[in-house]
Structures are given as structure tokens and as C-alpha cells.
Amino acid sequence: MFREAAEAADAVVRQAQARTDVERIGRALRKRSPPVVITCARGSSDHAATYAKYAIETRIGVPVASAAPSVASLYGSPLKAAGAICIAISQAGRSPDLLATVSGLKKAGARVVALVNEADSPLADMADEVFGLAAGPERSVAATKSFIASLAAIALLVAEWSDDDALRSDLGDLPSRLRGAWELDWSELVHGLKDATDLYVLGRGLGYGIAQEAALKLKETSQLHAEAFSTAELRHGPMALVREGFPALMFGQSDQTGRNIGETATALIERGARVFLAGGEAAGATVLPTLGCAPLLEPIMQIQSFYRAANALAIARGLDPDSPPHLAKVTETR
């Protein structure tokens, strides 16, 4: 896990070498001007799809909905998708329910764009357009560099779809910034969660997808009961569980969500929570170091720093992050 997470910047460099592919896809999307985007993914890839939702809706203005794969794989119910774009995100591109969903949407009139790591996968064969994640072989059960490669691919796609030169320029600096993010010291998070039993992982907007991803990794590698929420949902019930010393990891970006993240951190601290804050400031919070950049790219750097800390946390808790119990590298859900 440590070695592969550290390779994320190299994957992003390899993606840039196939830039003509994403430029072509971006031009096609501008020409097609779809009324809706439907994402299809599972696990970490579905967390990347959450990021895609906010990136596309805020930058392009096209609504994004997440497909429920069981509608196709179990219920066998056809959907109406004429004119839609289906963005399917996957590491292996082989899960039966994902393939059934993509096949059904394609038959219903959607055009399929696959963001997939394995170029010879059934998903790649099925898609109308393919952009390779270029993560390379990933042997760790806990996906890391393929997740970051997925986020980077989404950002590239949005830059080309929106024809945004400023974002293109920012993406050119992403590999070096990822290397810098990997070197940041998040040891206070490791020390703070070493003996924890549960926690909240919180984000909003562009940061919500990495909150989901971080919670999953804490479950997988540290056997820690971590639940991800949007800060907008925290007061709709989950705040009732906060008690003295309750830990919360928060991801904030320097955009319109920043004020809400800070206010939520303060509310948690007032209730006795121990807050670890990546991005932003709040009196009484343990502030984790981050690198500044365009808000759209901040979550990519923050999850890179988190992965190093998650690996260290698992070891500190006496666990092997490379061998989480009851899990396999490729999960084929139906």
C-alpha cells in the first residue's frame, strides 16, 4: 500500500502522455451537450464518481446521477437513457453488475465513456470512448494510486469538456504537487486515532468523495468504524452521537464550502469532539498540513497525504495494511 500510494504522481504523468485521448473525448462531449450524466462504479471508484458529480455539476452545469447497478443486474429493469452520457469508472472493469448496468444504458441510448485501468477489460471493450487510468499494476487490496488516477482523469476530462485553459495549466503541476503532498507530516492523525474505535469523516462538495474514500480505507486497513457524511447532513441526526473525545477527520477546500467546514468544525469542538482538519482552520482543531492549489484539485492532494497516514495508522494499530481480512483485490458483485 505504501509503495503503490507513493506512485500516484507517476500515474498522473503517464495519463498526460495520453492527453490526445481525453482531448478528443472532451470535444465530443462539448458537441453532444448531454442533458444528464450517469455514473456507474463500485467501492473506491464510486467515491471517485462522487467527486465527478461535483466537478461536472459545478464546472459544466450538467446534472449527474449515480446508477444503482442492482437495477440492471438483479431487477433487470430497463432505463430510459437517450442522449445521456454514462461515465463508468473501474480499476479492473470486470464486475458483472457494472457491466450489466453499462450494457443496459448503452442499449437505452447512452454513450459510454470508460475510465478504466485495465485496457483489455470487458468494460473497455463495451465503451464508446476509453481513457486509461494509467495507474499500472496495483497489488495492494486497498486501492490507492488507482483512486488518485481516477480523480485526475476526471479533472482532465472536465478541463477538456469545459475548454478551461486555467485548469489545464493547474493539472500540469499536479504530479509535482502530489509528490509534495506525499511528504507532508500527518503523524498527529496517526497518534490521535491509534486507540480510536469509531469516528466521523466529513467533507462537503468536492471534498465529500474523499471523505467517503478515507472512511473506507480506515475500515479496510485499520479495522476502525469510520462513517462518512457531508457536513450538510451532520446536524440531521449524526451529531447526536458526538461525545467528549469523539474523533472527526474533516476535509475542506478553499471554495464556497470553506465557511461551512469551519463552522461545522467549531460546532463539533464545542460538543467535545477532537477534530482533525485538513484544509481550513478552526480554533481548537488539530490542523493537518496541506498544499494550496486550485480548489478542484485540493481533494486529490489531501487524499494522497491521507493514504500515507492510513498506512502508518494500520501499522501503529498492529495490523497489516496489505492484508485486510475478508477482502480480495477484485470484487465481482452481481
Protein backbone atom coordinates (compact mmCIF):
# COMPACT_ATOMS: atom_id res chain seq x y z
CA MET A 1 0.00 0.00 0.00
CA PHE A 2 2.78 2.43 0.93
CA ARG A 3 4.74 1.82 -2.26
CA GLU A 4 1.74 1.98 -4.56
CA ALA A 5 0.28 5.11 -2.99
CA ALA A 6 3.66 6.79 -3.43
CA GLU A 7 3.48 6.01 -7.18
CA ALA A 8 0.35 8.09 -7.78
CA ALA A 9 2.24 11.04 -9.24
CA ASP A 10 3.85 8.74 -11.81
CA ALA A 11 0.40 7.54 -12.88
CA VAL A 12 -0.72 11.12 -13.42
CA VAL A 13 2.38 11.74 -15.57
CA ARG A 14 1.50 8.70 -17.69
CA GLN A 15 -2.05 9.99 -18.10
CA ALA A 16 -0.73 13.25 -19.50
CA GLN A 17 1.08 11.30 -22.20
CA ALA A 18 -2.33 10.13 -23.49
CA ARG A 19 -3.78 13.61 -23.43
CA THR A 20 -4.95 13.44 -27.04
CA ASP A 21 -7.48 10.79 -25.97
CA VAL A 22 -9.09 12.98 -23.33
CA GLU A 23 -8.97 16.00 -25.65
CA ARG A 24 -10.96 14.01 -28.21
CA ILE A 25 -13.47 12.90 -25.59
CA GLY A 26 -13.82 16.47 -24.31
CA ARG A 27 -14.55 17.79 -27.79
CA ALA A 28 -17.13 15.04 -28.33
CA LEU A 29 -18.86 15.93 -25.06
CA ARG A 30 -18.99 19.63 -25.96
CA LYS A 31 -20.53 18.73 -29.31
CA ARG A 32 -23.03 16.26 -27.84
CA SER A 33 -24.04 18.56 -24.96
CA PRO A 34 -25.76 15.79 -22.97
CA PRO A 35 -28.73 16.67 -20.74
CA VAL A 36 -27.52 14.34 -17.98
CA VAL A 37 -24.52 12.25 -16.94
CA ILE A 38 -24.98 8.86 -15.28
CA THR A 39 -22.04 7.46 -13.34
CA CYS A 40 -21.53 3.76 -12.80
CA ALA A 41 -18.99 2.45 -10.28
CA ARG A 42 -18.46 0.45 -7.09
CA GLY A 43 -16.28 0.89 -3.99
CA SER A 44 -13.45 3.41 -4.30
CA SER A 45 -14.41 4.05 -7.91
CA ASP A 46 -17.87 5.14 -6.72
CA HIS A 47 -16.21 7.62 -4.40
CA ALA A 48 -14.40 8.98 -7.45
CA ALA A 49 -17.84 9.22 -9.09
CA THR A 50 -18.96 11.43 -6.18
CA TYR A 51 -16.06 13.74 -6.98
CA ALA A 52 -17.08 13.64 -10.65
CA LYS A 53 -20.61 14.71 -9.72
CA TYR A 54 -19.44 17.91 -8.05
CA ALA A 55 -16.73 18.60 -10.62
CA ILE A 56 -19.11 18.25 -13.57
CA GLU A 57 -22.08 20.00 -11.99
CA THR A 58 -20.04 22.99 -10.79
CA ARG A 59 -17.87 23.34 -13.91
CA ILE A 60 -20.17 22.15 -16.71
CA GLY A 61 -23.67 22.62 -15.27
CA VAL A 62 -24.89 19.18 -16.33
CA PRO A 63 -26.72 17.15 -13.66
CA VAL A 64 -25.01 13.93 -12.60
CA ALA A 65 -26.81 10.88 -11.19
CA SER A 66 -25.34 7.65 -9.83
CA ALA A 67 -26.65 4.41 -11.33
CA ALA A 68 -27.76 1.66 -8.93
CA PRO A 69 -26.21 -1.45 -10.54
CA SER A 70 -28.71 -3.84 -8.96
CA VAL A 71 -31.48 -2.25 -11.06
CA ALA A 72 -29.89 -3.95 -14.07
CA SER A 73 -28.14 -6.96 -12.54
CA LEU A 74 -30.90 -8.12 -10.15
CA TYR A 75 -34.15 -6.42 -11.11
CA GLY A 76 -33.47 -6.46 -14.84
CA SER A 77 -35.35 -3.19 -15.22
CA PRO A 78 -34.59 -1.19 -18.38
CA LEU A 79 -33.87 2.53 -18.01
CA LYS A 80 -34.51 5.43 -20.38
CA ALA A 81 -31.15 6.98 -21.22
CA ALA A 82 -31.46 8.51 -24.69
CA GLY A 83 -28.95 11.33 -25.10
CA ALA A 84 -27.22 10.66 -21.75
CA ILE A 85 -23.53 10.12 -21.13
CA CYS A 86 -22.58 7.17 -18.94
CA ILE A 87 -19.22 7.57 -17.21
CA ALA A 88 -18.12 4.16 -15.95
CA ILE A 89 -15.17 4.15 -13.54
CA SER A 90 -13.34 0.96 -12.65
CA GLN A 91 -9.92 -0.46 -11.86
CA ALA A 92 -10.42 -3.93 -13.36
CA GLY A 93 -13.53 -3.34 -15.49
CA ARG A 94 -14.88 -6.83 -14.85
CA SER A 95 -17.58 -6.67 -12.18
CA PRO A 96 -20.75 -8.33 -13.54
CA ASP A 97 -23.19 -5.77 -12.14
CA LEU A 98 -21.20 -2.85 -13.51
CA LEU A 99 -21.07 -4.48 -16.94
CA ALA A 100 -24.80 -5.23 -16.86
CA THR A 101 -25.57 -1.62 -15.98
CA VAL A 102 -23.32 -0.18 -18.67
CA SER A 103 -24.73 -2.59 -21.26
CA GLY A 104 -28.29 -1.63 -20.34
CA LEU A 105 -27.58 2.10 -20.50
CA LYS A 106 -25.85 1.74 -23.84
CA LYS A 107 -28.81 -0.18 -25.30
CA ALA A 108 -31.08 2.56 -23.94
CA GLY A 109 -29.24 5.24 -25.91
CA ALA A 110 -26.46 6.44 -23.61
CA ARG A 111 -22.94 6.97 -24.91
CA VAL A 112 -20.41 5.24 -22.65
CA VAL A 113 -17.14 6.79 -21.53
CA ALA A 114 -14.98 4.36 -19.56
CA LEU A 115 -12.27 5.47 -17.14
CA VAL A 116 -10.58 2.12 -16.55
CA ASN A 117 -7.13 0.91 -15.58
CA GLU A 118 -7.15 -2.39 -17.50
CA ALA A 119 -7.29 -1.55 -21.19
CA ASP A 120 -8.13 -5.13 -22.21
CA SER A 121 -11.10 -5.42 -19.85
CA PRO A 122 -14.72 -6.17 -20.83
CA LEU A 123 -15.67 -2.63 -19.79
CA ALA A 124 -13.14 -1.12 -22.19
CA ASP A 125 -14.42 -3.35 -24.99
CA MET A 126 -18.00 -2.23 -24.31
CA ALA A 127 -17.35 1.52 -24.11
CA ASP A 128 -17.69 4.05 -26.92
CA GLU A 129 -14.75 6.04 -25.55
CA VAL A 130 -11.96 4.84 -23.25
CA PHE A 131 -9.48 6.84 -21.22
CA GLY A 132 -6.90 4.68 -19.48
CA LEU A 133 -6.18 5.50 -15.86
CA ALA A 134 -2.50 4.50 -16.37
CA ALA A 135 -2.12 3.50 -12.73
CA GLY A 136 -0.23 0.36 -13.69
CA PRO A 137 -0.47 -2.91 -11.73
CA GLU A 138 -1.96 -2.44 -8.28
CA ARG A 139 -1.44 -5.40 -5.96
CA SER A 140 -2.50 -3.87 -2.65
CA VAL A 141 -6.07 -4.85 -1.77
CA ALA A 142 -6.67 -1.28 -0.59
CA ALA A 143 -6.75 0.77 -3.80
CA THR A 144 -4.74 3.98 -3.63
CA LYS A 145 -2.96 5.12 -6.78
CA SER A 146 -5.85 3.93 -8.98
CA PHE A 147 -8.22 6.14 -6.95
CA ILE A 148 -5.97 9.17 -7.36
CA ALA A 149 -5.60 8.33 -11.05
CA SER A 150 -9.41 8.25 -11.31
CA LEU A 151 -9.71 11.71 -9.73
CA ALA A 152 -7.00 13.08 -12.01
CA ALA A 153 -8.70 11.57 -15.07
CA ILE A 154 -12.00 13.18 -14.07
CA ALA A 155 -10.29 16.56 -13.63
CA LEU A 156 -8.65 16.17 -17.05
CA LEU A 157 -11.99 15.30 -18.61
CA VAL A 158 -13.66 18.33 -17.01
CA ALA A 159 -10.83 20.60 -18.18
CA GLU A 160 -11.27 19.46 -21.78
CA TRP A 161 -15.08 19.38 -21.68
CA SER A 162 -15.19 22.94 -20.31
CA ASP A 163 -12.26 24.05 -22.52
CA ASP A 164 -10.64 25.59 -19.42
CA ASP A 165 -7.04 26.68 -20.02
CA ALA A 166 -6.50 27.65 -16.37
CA LEU A 167 -7.48 24.18 -15.19
CA ARG A 168 -5.28 22.61 -17.88
CA SER A 169 -2.35 24.62 -16.52
CA ASP A 170 -3.11 23.62 -12.92
CA LEU A 171 -3.24 19.96 -13.96
CA GLY A 172 0.23 20.29 -15.46
CA ASP A 173 1.55 20.96 -11.94
CA LEU A 174 -0.40 18.12 -10.33
CA PRO A 175 2.37 15.46 -10.34
CA SER A 176 4.86 17.69 -8.51
CA ARG A 177 2.18 18.77 -6.04
CA LEU A 178 1.25 15.15 -5.37
CA ARG A 179 4.87 14.38 -4.57
CA GLY A 180 4.87 17.30 -2.16
CA ALA A 181 1.60 16.14 -0.57
CA TRP A 182 3.07 12.68 -0.01
CA GLU A 183 5.85 14.20 2.11
CA LEU A 184 3.53 16.14 4.46
CA ASP A 185 3.52 15.10 8.10
CA TRP A 186 0.12 13.79 9.23
CA SER A 187 1.55 11.94 12.24
CA GLU A 188 -0.81 13.80 14.59
CA LEU A 189 -3.70 11.99 12.90
CA VAL A 190 -1.93 8.66 13.37
CA HIS A 191 -1.33 9.32 17.06
CA GLY A 192 -4.85 10.63 17.56
CA LEU A 193 -6.55 7.59 16.02
CA LYS A 194 -4.25 4.85 17.27
CA ASP A 195 -6.65 3.81 20.04
CA ALA A 196 -9.89 5.04 18.48
CA THR A 197 -12.86 2.73 17.96
CA ASP A 198 -15.01 4.93 15.75
CA LEU A 199 -15.04 8.33 14.08
CA TYR A 200 -16.72 10.55 11.53
CA VAL A 201 -15.03 11.53 8.28
CA LEU A 202 -16.54 14.71 6.89
CA GLY A 203 -16.41 16.78 3.74
CA ARG A 204 -18.66 18.80 1.52
CA GLY A 205 -18.93 19.36 -2.21
CA LEU A 206 -15.69 18.44 -3.94
CA GLY A 207 -14.34 17.05 -0.67
CA TYR A 208 -17.20 14.65 0.03
CA GLY A 209 -15.88 11.91 -2.27
CA ILE A 210 -12.53 11.77 -0.49
CA ALA A 211 -14.31 11.68 2.87
CA GLN A 212 -16.11 8.56 1.64
CA GLU A 213 -12.81 7.11 0.43
CA ALA A 214 -10.95 7.87 3.66
CA ALA A 215 -13.69 6.24 5.75
CA LEU A 216 -13.49 3.09 3.60
CA LYS A 217 -9.71 2.91 3.94
CA LEU A 218 -9.90 3.28 7.72
CA LYS A 219 -12.35 0.36 7.81
CA GLU A 220 -10.25 -1.77 5.46
CA THR A 221 -6.77 -1.21 6.82
CA SER A 222 -7.25 -0.19 10.48
CA GLN A 223 -10.50 -2.03 11.34
CA LEU A 224 -11.82 1.30 12.54
CA HIS A 225 -15.54 2.03 12.41
CA ALA A 226 -15.46 5.18 10.28
CA GLU A 227 -18.58 6.77 8.84
CA ALA A 228 -18.51 9.39 6.09
CA PHE A 229 -21.02 12.24 5.98
CA SER A 230 -21.47 15.51 4.18
CA THR A 231 -21.24 18.30 6.75
CA ALA A 232 -24.67 19.36 5.50
CA GLU A 233 -26.12 16.09 6.82
CA LEU A 234 -24.31 16.03 10.16
CA ARG A 235 -26.98 18.00 12.03
CA HIS A 236 -29.74 15.78 10.62
CA GLY A 237 -29.13 13.08 13.24
CA PRO A 238 -25.44 12.04 13.31
CA MET A 239 -24.44 14.93 15.59
CA ALA A 240 -26.33 13.17 18.40
CA LEU A 241 -23.55 10.57 18.67
CA VAL A 242 -20.80 13.14 19.26
CA ARG A 243 -19.40 12.94 22.77
CA GLU A 244 -16.31 14.08 24.65
CA GLY A 245 -13.20 12.97 22.78
CA PHE A 246 -15.13 11.70 19.74
CA PRO A 247 -12.74 11.97 16.76
CA ALA A 248 -13.65 13.59 13.46
CA LEU A 249 -11.48 13.91 10.37
CA MET A 250 -12.55 16.79 8.13
CA PHE A 251 -11.52 17.72 4.58
CA GLY A 252 -12.01 21.32 3.50
CA GLN A 253 -11.38 23.22 0.27
CA SER A 254 -10.76 26.90 -0.40
CA ASP A 255 -14.07 27.37 -2.20
CA GLN A 256 -17.68 28.17 -1.27
CA THR A 257 -17.77 25.22 1.16
CA GLY A 258 -14.92 26.55 3.29
CA ARG A 259 -17.10 28.58 5.67
CA ASN A 260 -19.41 25.63 6.31
CA ILE A 261 -16.47 23.33 7.04
CA GLY A 262 -15.08 25.81 9.57
CA GLU A 263 -18.47 26.33 11.25
CA THR A 264 -19.04 22.58 11.48
CA ALA A 265 -15.59 22.03 12.96
CA THR A 266 -16.34 24.66 15.61
CA ALA A 267 -19.70 23.05 16.42
CA LEU A 268 -18.04 19.66 16.85
CA ILE A 269 -15.31 21.09 19.09
CA GLU A 270 -17.93 22.81 21.25
CA ARG A 271 -19.52 19.39 21.80
CA GLY A 272 -16.20 17.93 22.94
CA ALA A 273 -15.08 16.29 19.69
CA ARG A 274 -11.42 16.05 18.74
CA VAL A 275 -11.27 17.46 15.23
CA PHE A 276 -8.51 16.81 12.71
CA LEU A 277 -8.84 19.37 9.92
CA ALA A 278 -7.17 19.11 6.51
CA GLY A 279 -7.81 22.38 4.68
CA GLY A 280 -9.10 25.39 6.62
CA GLU A 281 -8.81 26.48 10.23
CA ALA A 282 -10.89 26.30 13.39
CA ALA A 283 -9.94 27.22 16.95
CA GLY A 284 -9.22 24.04 18.90
CA ALA A 285 -8.80 21.80 15.83
CA THR A 286 -5.68 19.81 15.04
CA VAL A 287 -4.76 21.28 11.67
CA LEU A 288 -3.16 18.82 9.26
CA PRO A 289 -0.75 20.35 6.72
CA THR A 290 -1.98 20.72 3.14
CA LEU A 291 -0.74 22.30 -0.08
CA GLY A 292 -2.67 25.13 -1.65
CA CYS A 293 -3.83 24.94 -5.26
CA ALA A 294 -6.99 25.21 -7.35
CA PRO A 295 -9.96 24.05 -5.19
CA LEU A 296 -10.88 21.37 -7.76
CA LEU A 297 -7.50 19.70 -7.23
CA GLU A 298 -7.19 20.12 -3.45
CA PRO A 299 -9.05 16.86 -2.67
CA ILE A 300 -6.58 14.92 -4.84
CA MET A 301 -3.65 16.18 -2.81
CA GLN A 302 -5.42 15.72 0.51
CA ILE A 303 -6.24 12.06 -0.14
CA GLN A 304 -2.61 11.48 -1.15
CA SER A 305 -1.43 12.77 2.24
CA PHE A 306 -4.14 10.72 3.94
CA TYR A 307 -3.03 7.45 2.31
CA ARG A 308 0.42 7.71 3.85
CA ALA A 309 -1.13 8.37 7.25
CA ALA A 310 -3.61 5.49 6.83
CA ASN A 311 -0.78 3.07 6.11
CA ALA A 312 1.10 4.28 9.18
CA LEU A 313 -2.04 4.09 11.33
CA ALA A 314 -2.68 0.46 10.44
CA ILE A 315 0.87 -0.45 11.42
CA ALA A 316 0.56 1.56 14.66
CA ARG A 317 -2.57 -0.45 15.48
CA GLY A 318 -0.67 -3.71 14.96
CA LEU A 319 -2.30 -4.53 11.61
CA ASP A 320 -1.00 -5.30 8.14
CA PRO A 321 -2.44 -2.72 5.69
CA ASP A 322 -1.61 -5.03 2.78
CA SER A 323 -3.72 -7.93 4.07
CA PRO A 324 -7.11 -6.67 5.28
CA PRO A 325 -9.33 -9.54 6.46
CA HIS A 326 -12.16 -10.96 4.32
CA LEU A 327 -11.27 -8.88 1.26
CA ALA A 328 -9.98 -9.64 -2.24
CA LYS A 329 -8.38 -7.37 -4.81
CA VAL A 330 -11.10 -7.85 -7.43
CA THR A 331 -14.66 -7.86 -6.13
CA GLU A 332 -17.22 -9.20 -8.60
CA THR A 333 -20.64 -8.14 -7.34
CA ARG A 334 -23.82 -9.21 -9.11
